[in-house]
Amino acid sequence: MIRSILSFILTGAFAILMNTQTHAADDHPVVVMETSMGSITIELDRAKAPITVDNFLKYVDAGFYDDLVFHRVIPNFMIQGGGLDKNLREKTKGVGKGIKNESDNGVSNKRGTIAMARTSDPDSATCQFFINHTDNRNLDAAPGRPGYAVFGHVTEGMDVVDKIAQVRTKRVGPHEAVPVETIVIKSVKLKK
């Protein structure tokens, strides 16, 4: 009898512990972005930006980012990608609706953070993202002004971000700061 009660208590405690660990892992999923210049590992922050993280992971799960490029690179500012192919054509198949802007989540656009790109409409972010190359607090939300929603940070591969940020760029039609040599996002995958 005592043995079965003890077993029941231990089983329950183990289940609670496992649920806590799973929940914590779910709040901070990690993705690995393989690029033609190296790997970038990014820890996402679902606790601070749940809508944005779930939106980004939807594209990751679909393989949407495979073979797209970093199409806008500005040193000491940011590197942007996730929406155009090697010919600078916008990928439209699989693009969802704009999401609610979560820039008021208290997370600043500091060096190494990843945020959603958007138009002047605060709730227009879909698939494009950027990685801050320097602290860009001017992109944070302020009273009466929505910012750009940070939803994670680079944990490994800032040297790759630095290399990408230093490449030569040119203007191509309506696109400014396009890398002279194409920088491909080979894949973005959830780290197991």
C-alpha atoms as a PDB file:
ATOM      1  CA  MET A   1       0.000   0.000   0.000  1.00  0.00           C
ATOM      2  CA  ILE A   2       2.720   2.464   1.021  1.00  0.00           C
ATOM      3  CA  ARG A   3       4.752   1.420  -2.015  1.00  0.00           C
ATOM      4  CA  SER A   4       1.832   2.123  -4.389  1.00  0.00           C
ATOM      5  CA  ILE A   5       1.144   5.525  -2.758  1.00  0.00           C
ATOM      6  CA  LEU A   6       4.830   6.428  -3.005  1.00  0.00           C
ATOM      7  CA  SER A   7       4.869   5.285  -6.643  1.00  0.00           C
ATOM      8  CA  PHE A   8       1.782   7.422  -7.359  1.00  0.00           C
ATOM      9  CA  ILE A   9       3.393  10.503  -5.749  1.00  0.00           C
ATOM     10  CA  LEU A  10       6.670  10.014  -7.609  1.00  0.00           C
ATOM     11  CA  THR A  11       4.874   9.485 -10.928  1.00  0.00           C
ATOM     12  CA  GLY A  12       2.877  12.691 -10.385  1.00  0.00           C
ATOM     13  CA  ALA A  13       5.990  14.653  -9.399  1.00  0.00           C
ATOM     14  CA  PHE A  14       7.830  13.368 -12.493  1.00  0.00           C
ATOM     15  CA  ALA A  15       4.897  14.361 -14.738  1.00  0.00           C
ATOM     16  CA  ILE A  16       4.822  17.865 -13.234  1.00  0.00           C
ATOM     17  CA  LEU A  17       8.588  18.196 -13.691  1.00  0.00           C
ATOM     18  CA  MET A  18       8.400  17.042 -17.322  1.00  0.00           C
ATOM     19  CA  ASN A  19       5.524  19.430 -18.095  1.00  0.00           C
ATOM     20  CA  THR A  20       7.477  22.315 -16.557  1.00  0.00           C
ATOM     21  CA  GLN A  21      10.573  21.481 -18.609  1.00  0.00           C
ATOM     22  CA  THR A  22       8.537  21.079 -21.816  1.00  0.00           C
ATOM     23  CA  HIS A  23       6.754  24.374 -21.193  1.00  0.00           C
ATOM     24  CA  ALA A  24      10.081  26.159 -20.593  1.00  0.00           C
ATOM     25  CA  ALA A  25      11.515  24.665 -23.784  1.00  0.00           C
ATOM     26  CA  ASP A  26       8.402  25.737 -25.693  1.00  0.00           C
ATOM     27  CA  ASP A  27       8.781  29.313 -24.440  1.00  0.00           C
ATOM     28  CA  HIS A  28      12.300  29.453 -25.895  1.00  0.00           C
ATOM     29  CA  PRO A  29      12.470  27.322 -29.047  1.00  0.00           C
ATOM     30  CA  VAL A  30      15.788  27.431 -30.894  1.00  0.00           C
ATOM     31  CA  VAL A  31      16.243  27.544 -34.651  1.00  0.00           C
ATOM     32  CA  VAL A  32      19.372  27.095 -36.746  1.00  0.00           C
ATOM     33  CA  MET A  33      19.653  29.252 -39.846  1.00  0.00           C
ATOM     34  CA  GLU A  34      22.084  27.779 -42.359  1.00  0.00           C
ATOM     35  CA  THR A  35      23.383  30.449 -44.725  1.00  0.00           C
ATOM     36  CA  SER A  36      25.934  30.452 -47.518  1.00  0.00           C
ATOM     37  CA  MET A  37      28.234  32.280 -45.076  1.00  0.00           C
ATOM     38  CA  GLY A  38      27.745  30.013 -42.046  1.00  0.00           C
ATOM     39  CA  SER A  39      25.259  29.041 -39.335  1.00  0.00           C
ATOM     40  CA  ILE A  40      23.303  31.354 -37.057  1.00  0.00           C
ATOM     41  CA  THR A  41      21.567  29.891 -33.994  1.00  0.00           C
ATOM     42  CA  ILE A  42      18.631  31.910 -32.690  1.00  0.00           C
ATOM     43  CA  GLU A  43      16.705  31.459 -29.443  1.00  0.00           C
ATOM     44  CA  LEU A  44      13.125  32.654 -29.809  1.00  0.00           C
ATOM     45  CA  ASP A  45      11.145  34.251 -26.979  1.00  0.00           C
ATOM     46  CA  ARG A  46       7.546  33.033 -27.047  1.00  0.00           C
ATOM     47  CA  ALA A  47       6.961  34.388 -23.528  1.00  0.00           C
ATOM     48  CA  LYS A  48       7.521  37.963 -24.758  1.00  0.00           C
ATOM     49  CA  ALA A  49       6.294  37.626 -28.365  1.00  0.00           C
ATOM     50  CA  PRO A  50       3.930  34.647 -28.675  1.00  0.00           C
ATOM     51  CA  ILE A  51       2.146  35.757 -31.859  1.00  0.00           C
ATOM     52  CA  THR A  52       5.404  36.642 -33.603  1.00  0.00           C
ATOM     53  CA  VAL A  53       7.218  33.443 -32.601  1.00  0.00           C
ATOM     54  CA  ASP A  54       4.313  31.242 -33.672  1.00  0.00           C
ATOM     55  CA  ASN A  55       4.110  33.120 -36.982  1.00  0.00           C
ATOM     56  CA  PHE A  56       7.864  32.727 -37.626  1.00  0.00           C
ATOM     57  CA  LEU A  57       7.778  29.024 -36.722  1.00  0.00           C
ATOM     58  CA  LYS A  58       4.870  28.499 -39.115  1.00  0.00           C
ATOM     59  CA  TYR A  59       7.185  29.625 -41.946  1.00  0.00           C
ATOM     60  CA  VAL A  60      10.074  27.555 -40.555  1.00  0.00           C
ATOM     61  CA  ASP A  61       7.915  24.400 -40.384  1.00  0.00           C
ATOM     62  CA  ALA A  62       6.787  24.930 -43.981  1.00  0.00           C
ATOM     63  CA  GLY A  63      10.383  25.285 -45.236  1.00  0.00           C
ATOM     64  CA  PHE A  64       9.381  28.733 -46.517  1.00  0.00           C
ATOM     65  CA  TYR A  65      12.794  30.326 -45.930  1.00  0.00           C
ATOM     66  CA  ASP A  66      14.781  27.665 -47.811  1.00  0.00           C
ATOM     67  CA  ASP A  67      16.777  29.240 -50.670  1.00  0.00           C
ATOM     68  CA  LEU A  68      15.660  32.811 -49.972  1.00  0.00           C
ATOM     69  CA  VAL A  69      18.299  35.519 -49.486  1.00  0.00           C
ATOM     70  CA  PHE A  70      19.452  38.356 -47.293  1.00  0.00           C
ATOM     71  CA  HIS A  71      18.397  41.101 -49.695  1.00  0.00           C
ATOM     72  CA  ARG A  72      19.113  44.217 -47.609  1.00  0.00           C
ATOM     73  CA  VAL A  73      22.377  44.564 -45.716  1.00  0.00           C
ATOM     74  CA  ILE A  74      23.411  47.769 -43.937  1.00  0.00           C
ATOM     75  CA  PRO A  75      26.492  47.623 -41.670  1.00  0.00           C
ATOM     76  CA  ASN A  76      26.045  49.051 -38.177  1.00  0.00           C
ATOM     77  CA  PHE A  77      22.302  48.732 -38.662  1.00  0.00           C
ATOM     78  CA  MET A  78      20.838  45.332 -39.680  1.00  0.00           C
ATOM     79  CA  ILE A  79      20.672  42.454 -42.160  1.00  0.00           C
ATOM     80  CA  GLN A  80      17.232  41.686 -43.623  1.00  0.00           C
ATOM     81  CA  GLY A  81      15.902  38.590 -45.330  1.00  0.00           C
ATOM     82  CA  GLY A  82      13.130  36.061 -45.552  1.00  0.00           C
ATOM     83  CA  GLY A  83      11.045  37.356 -48.434  1.00  0.00           C
ATOM     84  CA  LEU A  84      12.990  37.460 -51.710  1.00  0.00           C
ATOM     85  CA  ASP A  85      14.669  34.828 -53.863  1.00  0.00           C
ATOM     86  CA  LYS A  86      18.068  34.952 -55.608  1.00  0.00           C
ATOM     87  CA  ASN A  87      16.543  37.004 -58.448  1.00  0.00           C
ATOM     88  CA  LEU A  88      15.078  39.478 -55.928  1.00  0.00           C
ATOM     89  CA  ARG A  89      11.573  38.295 -56.718  1.00  0.00           C
ATOM     90  CA  GLU A  90       9.222  38.423 -53.761  1.00  0.00           C
ATOM     91  CA  LYS A  91       8.040  35.004 -52.655  1.00  0.00           C
ATOM     92  CA  THR A  92       4.271  35.224 -52.365  1.00  0.00           C
ATOM     93  CA  LYS A  93       3.214  31.569 -52.251  1.00  0.00           C
ATOM     94  CA  GLY A  94       2.668  30.608 -48.631  1.00  0.00           C
ATOM     95  CA  VAL A  95       2.718  34.167 -47.249  1.00  0.00           C
ATOM     96  CA  GLY A  96       0.054  34.652 -44.607  1.00  0.00           C
ATOM     97  CA  LYS A  97      -1.756  37.748 -43.390  1.00  0.00           C
ATOM     98  CA  GLY A  98       0.000  40.439 -41.375  1.00  0.00           C
ATOM     99  CA  ILE A  99       0.211  39.812 -37.640  1.00  0.00           C
ATOM    100  CA  LYS A 100      -0.415  41.965 -34.575  1.00  0.00           C
ATOM    101  CA  ASN A 101       2.623  44.073 -33.744  1.00  0.00           C
ATOM    102  CA  GLU A 102       4.163  42.995 -30.423  1.00  0.00           C
ATOM    103  CA  SER A 103       6.812  45.731 -30.241  1.00  0.00           C
ATOM    104  CA  ASP A 104       5.483  46.890 -26.870  1.00  0.00           C
ATOM    105  CA  ASN A 105       6.768  43.691 -25.207  1.00  0.00           C
ATOM    106  CA  GLY A 106       9.658  45.428 -23.430  1.00  0.00           C
ATOM    107  CA  VAL A 107      12.379  43.771 -25.532  1.00  0.00           C
ATOM    108  CA  SER A 108      14.729  46.253 -27.197  1.00  0.00           C
ATOM    109  CA  ASN A 109      16.226  46.071 -30.702  1.00  0.00           C
ATOM    110  CA  LYS A 110      19.731  45.428 -29.380  1.00  0.00           C
ATOM    111  CA  ARG A 111      22.663  43.970 -31.274  1.00  0.00           C
ATOM    112  CA  GLY A 112      22.012  40.333 -32.080  1.00  0.00           C
ATOM    113  CA  THR A 113      18.237  40.427 -31.675  1.00  0.00           C
ATOM    114  CA  ILE A 114      15.882  39.290 -34.426  1.00  0.00           C
ATOM    115  CA  ALA A 115      12.789  41.362 -35.226  1.00  0.00           C
ATOM    116  CA  MET A 116      10.040  41.393 -37.809  1.00  0.00           C
ATOM    117  CA  ALA A 117      10.245  43.658 -40.847  1.00  0.00           C
ATOM    118  CA  ARG A 118       7.039  45.446 -41.785  1.00  0.00           C
ATOM    119  CA  THR A 119       5.608  48.312 -43.802  1.00  0.00           C
ATOM    120  CA  SER A 120       4.385  51.582 -42.296  1.00  0.00           C
ATOM    121  CA  ASP A 121       1.323  49.621 -41.143  1.00  0.00           C
ATOM    122  CA  PRO A 122       2.317  48.370 -37.669  1.00  0.00           C
ATOM    123  CA  ASP A 123       0.354  45.117 -38.106  1.00  0.00           C
ATOM    124  CA  SER A 124       1.746  44.215 -41.547  1.00  0.00           C
ATOM    125  CA  ALA A 125       4.634  41.869 -40.633  1.00  0.00           C
ATOM    126  CA  THR A 126       4.404  38.516 -42.415  1.00  0.00           C
ATOM    127  CA  CYS A 127       7.587  36.566 -43.237  1.00  0.00           C
ATOM    128  CA  GLN A 128      10.465  39.044 -43.503  1.00  0.00           C
ATOM    129  CA  PHE A 129      12.778  39.533 -40.535  1.00  0.00           C
ATOM    130  CA  PHE A 130      15.998  41.329 -39.691  1.00  0.00           C
ATOM    131  CA  ILE A 131      18.877  40.754 -37.311  1.00  0.00           C
ATOM    132  CA  ASN A 132      20.136  43.887 -35.592  1.00  0.00           C
ATOM    133  CA  HIS A 133      23.835  44.442 -36.258  1.00  0.00           C
ATOM    134  CA  THR A 134      24.037  47.130 -33.580  1.00  0.00           C
ATOM    135  CA  ASP A 135      21.794  48.536 -30.848  1.00  0.00           C
ATOM    136  CA  ASN A 136      18.835  50.126 -32.660  1.00  0.00           C
ATOM    137  CA  ARG A 137      16.723  51.528 -29.852  1.00  0.00           C
ATOM    138  CA  ASN A 138      15.183  53.951 -32.358  1.00  0.00           C
ATOM    139  CA  LEU A 139      13.286  50.886 -33.689  1.00  0.00           C
ATOM    140  CA  ASP A 140      11.685  50.209 -30.287  1.00  0.00           C
ATOM    141  CA  ALA A 141       8.109  51.175 -29.500  1.00  0.00           C
ATOM    142  CA  ALA A 142       7.631  54.579 -27.897  1.00  0.00           C
ATOM    143  CA  PRO A 143       4.505  56.383 -26.670  1.00  0.00           C
ATOM    144  CA  GLY A 144       2.343  56.992 -29.720  1.00  0.00           C
ATOM    145  CA  ARG A 145       4.772  55.164 -32.026  1.00  0.00           C
ATOM    146  CA  PRO A 146       4.802  51.405 -32.664  1.00  0.00           C
ATOM    147  CA  GLY A 147       8.205  49.836 -33.129  1.00  0.00           C
ATOM    148  CA  TYR A 148       9.569  46.656 -34.643  1.00  0.00           C
ATOM    149  CA  ALA A 149       8.779  43.494 -32.686  1.00  0.00           C
ATOM    150  CA  VAL A 150      11.822  41.690 -31.283  1.00  0.00           C
ATOM    151  CA  PHE A 151      11.122  37.970 -30.874  1.00  0.00           C
ATOM    152  CA  GLY A 152      14.502  36.387 -30.156  1.00  0.00           C
ATOM    153  CA  HIS A 153      18.274  36.726 -30.136  1.00  0.00           C
ATOM    154  CA  VAL A 154      21.343  35.139 -31.693  1.00  0.00           C
ATOM    155  CA  THR A 155      23.067  32.705 -29.331  1.00  0.00           C
ATOM    156  CA  GLU A 156      25.716  31.466 -31.783  1.00  0.00           C
ATOM    157  CA  GLY A 157      26.909  32.876 -35.077  1.00  0.00           C
ATOM    158  CA  MET A 158      27.189  36.626 -34.456  1.00  0.00           C
ATOM    159  CA  ASP A 159      30.499  36.326 -36.331  1.00  0.00           C
ATOM    160  CA  VAL A 160      28.429  35.217 -39.345  1.00  0.00           C
ATOM    161  CA  VAL A 161      26.061  38.182 -38.887  1.00  0.00           C
ATOM    162  CA  ASP A 162      29.148  40.441 -38.738  1.00  0.00           C
ATOM    163  CA  LYS A 163      30.538  38.913 -41.964  1.00  0.00           C
ATOM    164  CA  ILE A 164      27.221  39.361 -43.748  1.00  0.00           C
ATOM    165  CA  ALA A 165      26.940  42.969 -42.542  1.00  0.00           C
ATOM    166  CA  GLN A 166      30.335  43.826 -44.066  1.00  0.00           C
ATOM    167  CA  VAL A 167      29.739  42.589 -47.627  1.00  0.00           C
ATOM    168  CA  ARG A 168      29.757  44.965 -50.584  1.00  0.00           C
ATOM    169  CA  THR A 169      26.288  46.064 -51.665  1.00  0.00           C
ATOM    170  CA  LYS A 170      24.647  47.739 -54.645  1.00  0.00           C
ATOM    171  CA  ARG A 171      21.288  49.084 -55.752  1.00  0.00           C
ATOM    172  CA  VAL A 172      19.188  46.772 -57.942  1.00  0.00           C
ATOM    173  CA  GLY A 173      16.053  48.437 -59.291  1.00  0.00           C
ATOM    174  CA  PRO A 174      13.921  49.445 -56.304  1.00  0.00           C
ATOM    175  CA  HIS A 175      16.107  47.481 -53.876  1.00  0.00           C
ATOM    176  CA  GLU A 176      18.880  49.232 -51.987  1.00  0.00           C
ATOM    177  CA  ALA A 177      21.824  47.686 -50.121  1.00  0.00           C
ATOM    178  CA  VAL A 178      21.648  44.364 -52.006  1.00  0.00           C
ATOM    179  CA  PRO A 179      24.748  42.190 -51.490  1.00  0.00           C
ATOM    180  CA  VAL A 180      26.928  42.055 -54.618  1.00  0.00           C
ATOM    181  CA  GLU A 181      27.457  38.344 -53.977  1.00  0.00           C
ATOM    182  CA  THR A 182      24.189  36.617 -53.126  1.00  0.00           C
ATOM    183  CA  ILE A 183      23.854  35.465 -49.497  1.00  0.00           C
ATOM    184  CA  VAL A 184      21.512  32.490 -49.445  1.00  0.00           C
ATOM    185  CA  ILE A 185      19.445  31.279 -46.515  1.00  0.00           C
ATOM    186  CA  LYS A 186      19.847  27.567 -47.214  1.00  0.00           C
ATOM    187  CA  SER A 187      17.411  26.545 -44.476  1.00  0.00           C
ATOM    188  CA  VAL A 188      15.920  27.477 -41.129  1.00  0.00           C
ATOM    189  CA  LYS A 189      15.136  24.498 -38.898  1.00  0.00           C
ATOM    190  CA  LEU A 190      13.936  23.995 -35.375  1.00  0.00           C
ATOM    191  CA  LYS A 191      16.777  22.599 -33.282  1.00  0.00           C
ATOM    192  CA  LYS A 192      15.811  19.267 -31.756  1.00  0.00           C
END
